[in-house]
Amino acid sequence: MANDQFEFQFTDFRIVSSTFSSKIIDEFDPSKTPEITVNFAIRHEYHVESKTLVLFLKVDMEGADLPFNLSIEGGSLFTFANPIENQDRLLQIAEINCAAIAFPYMREAVSDIIRRGGFPLLLLPPQNFVELFKTNHPDAVVV
């Protein structure tokens, strides 16, 4: 059966869009860590004929004490050896496996943009994609 194995390879990662805006804060103290709200979103597109999956990871960072706002979306391309017909399995592979592979690239891009903006190093916290999947799809059974 073609769907018993989900062999794939990571092909590409690119920044699809980004918006970085710096705020003027009179008394910004780089030694203090401001409160940050990080919103994280995942979506994907699967192309049956080419057996490719495009995964989009989006990160929005904001906070009242944060001296900048950042919105960035990255696109990752994955090529599968066999077609995936089961949509439930495709959803899990995309949002758990592929997202976990693409996340370090997004994390590095966020860190680099912030550093190039003249601010101290800031890394996105690690993500548990299994738990994120369960939160986003409470009725799904994780295989």
Protein backbone atom coordinates (compact mmCIF):
# COMPACT_ATOMS: atom_id res chain seq x y z
CA MET A 1 0.00 0.00 0.00
CA ALA A 2 1.44 3.39 -0.98
CA ASN A 3 0.27 5.16 2.18
CA ASP A 4 1.88 2.79 4.69
CA GLN A 5 5.09 4.79 4.51
CA PHE A 6 5.36 8.53 4.55
CA GLU A 7 8.84 9.01 3.22
CA PHE A 8 9.57 12.63 2.40
CA GLN A 9 12.39 15.09 2.17
CA PHE A 10 12.72 18.71 3.15
CA THR A 11 13.38 20.66 -0.05
CA ASP A 12 13.33 24.39 0.72
CA PHE A 13 12.59 27.13 3.25
CA ARG A 14 11.91 30.76 2.39
CA ILE A 15 10.60 33.84 4.11
CA VAL A 16 7.25 34.55 2.44
CA SER A 17 6.51 37.82 4.21
CA SER A 18 7.80 39.85 7.12
CA THR A 19 6.93 43.11 8.83
CA PHE A 20 9.23 44.54 11.45
CA SER A 21 8.45 47.88 13.04
CA SER A 22 10.52 49.44 15.78
CA LYS A 23 8.90 51.57 18.46
CA ILE A 24 10.40 54.63 20.05
CA ILE A 25 10.56 53.88 23.75
CA ASP A 26 12.16 56.57 25.90
CA GLU A 27 13.52 54.28 28.56
CA PHE A 28 14.17 50.95 26.87
CA ASP A 29 16.44 48.90 29.12
CA PRO A 30 18.02 46.01 27.16
CA SER A 31 18.96 44.25 30.41
CA LYS A 32 15.27 43.72 31.28
CA THR A 33 13.21 41.12 29.48
CA PRO A 34 9.91 42.61 28.30
CA GLU A 35 6.68 40.62 28.28
CA ILE A 36 6.16 39.17 24.84
CA THR A 37 3.09 37.67 23.26
CA VAL A 38 3.94 35.13 20.57
CA ASN A 39 1.12 33.97 18.30
CA PHE A 40 1.94 30.96 16.19
CA ALA A 41 -0.07 29.70 13.18
CA ILE A 42 0.33 26.75 10.80
CA ARG A 43 -1.30 26.10 7.46
CA HIS A 44 -0.43 23.88 4.53
CA GLU A 45 -1.20 23.12 0.91
CA TYR A 46 -0.76 19.63 -0.52
CA HIS A 47 -0.34 19.17 -4.26
CA VAL A 48 -1.32 15.62 -5.20
CA GLU A 49 0.08 15.60 -8.73
CA SER A 50 3.59 16.65 -7.65
CA LYS A 51 3.41 14.95 -4.21
CA THR A 52 4.58 18.16 -2.57
CA LEU A 53 3.47 19.87 0.59
CA VAL A 54 3.96 23.57 1.23
CA LEU A 55 3.89 24.35 4.93
CA PHE A 56 3.47 27.91 6.18
CA LEU A 57 4.55 28.88 9.68
CA LYS A 58 3.56 32.34 10.86
CA VAL A 59 4.83 34.09 13.97
CA ASP A 60 3.46 37.36 15.35
CA MET A 61 5.32 38.97 18.26
CA GLU A 62 4.00 41.93 20.18
CA GLY A 63 3.93 43.39 23.67
CA ALA A 64 3.36 46.71 25.41
CA ASP A 65 6.96 46.81 26.67
CA LEU A 66 8.42 45.21 23.56
CA PRO A 67 10.37 47.80 21.54
CA PHE A 68 9.21 46.30 18.22
CA ASN A 69 6.44 44.37 16.52
CA LEU A 70 7.26 41.47 14.25
CA SER A 71 5.09 39.45 11.91
CA ILE A 72 6.85 36.86 9.78
CA GLU A 73 5.71 33.94 7.66
CA GLY A 74 7.96 31.24 6.28
CA GLY A 75 7.16 28.66 3.64
CA SER A 76 8.72 25.21 3.58
CA LEU A 77 8.57 22.72 0.74
CA PHE A 78 8.46 18.98 1.33
CA THR A 79 8.50 16.33 -1.41
CA PHE A 80 6.91 12.94 -0.72
CA ALA A 81 7.97 9.63 -2.27
CA ASN A 82 4.37 8.38 -2.37
CA PRO A 83 1.05 10.21 -2.61
CA ILE A 84 -0.89 10.73 0.61
CA GLU A 85 -4.58 10.04 0.24
CA ASN A 86 -5.61 9.98 3.90
CA GLN A 87 -6.36 13.63 4.80
CA ASP A 88 -6.18 12.98 8.56
CA ARG A 89 -2.67 11.55 8.26
CA LEU A 90 -1.66 14.37 5.92
CA LEU A 91 -2.81 16.92 8.49
CA GLN A 92 -0.74 15.25 11.22
CA ILE A 93 2.35 14.88 9.06
CA ALA A 94 2.13 18.53 8.01
CA GLU A 95 1.43 20.06 11.42
CA ILE A 96 3.62 17.79 13.53
CA ASN A 97 6.47 16.29 11.52
CA CYS A 98 6.97 18.93 8.84
CA ALA A 99 6.39 21.81 11.26
CA ALA A 100 9.03 20.41 13.64
CA ILE A 101 11.52 20.24 10.77
CA ALA A 102 10.78 23.79 9.55
CA PHE A 103 10.62 25.43 12.98
CA PRO A 104 14.40 25.85 13.52
CA TYR A 105 14.61 27.78 10.24
CA MET A 106 11.81 30.09 11.35
CA ARG A 107 13.39 30.45 14.78
CA GLU A 108 16.69 31.50 13.23
CA ALA A 109 14.99 33.97 10.87
CA VAL A 110 13.13 35.63 13.77
CA SER A 111 16.31 35.87 15.82
CA ASP A 112 18.26 37.34 12.89
CA ILE A 113 15.66 40.00 12.07
CA ILE A 114 15.51 41.11 15.70
CA ARG A 115 19.32 41.23 15.98
CA ARG A 116 19.63 43.18 12.72
CA GLY A 117 17.04 45.61 14.10
CA GLY A 118 19.56 46.52 16.79
CA PHE A 119 18.01 44.58 19.66
CA PRO A 120 19.46 41.92 21.97
CA LEU A 121 19.27 38.24 21.06
CA LEU A 122 15.79 36.81 21.33
CA LEU A 123 14.93 33.21 20.51
CA LEU A 124 11.48 31.77 20.02
CA PRO A 125 10.76 29.23 22.74
CA PRO A 126 10.76 25.58 21.69
CA GLN A 127 7.41 24.29 20.44
CA ASN A 128 5.76 20.97 21.20
CA PHE A 129 4.03 20.33 17.89
CA VAL A 130 2.17 17.27 19.14
CA GLU A 131 0.55 19.34 21.89
CA LEU A 132 -0.09 22.23 19.50
CA PHE A 133 -1.78 19.79 17.11
CA LYS A 134 -3.95 18.40 19.92
CA THR A 135 -4.95 21.94 20.92
CA ASN A 136 -5.77 22.94 17.34
CA HIS A 137 -7.58 19.65 16.54
CA PRO A 138 -9.08 18.35 19.81
CA ASP A 139 -11.12 15.62 18.10
CA ALA A 140 -8.20 14.18 16.12
CA VAL A 141 -6.47 10.98 17.20
CA VAL A 142 -2.68 11.37 16.99
CA VAL A 143 -1.08 8.33 15.40
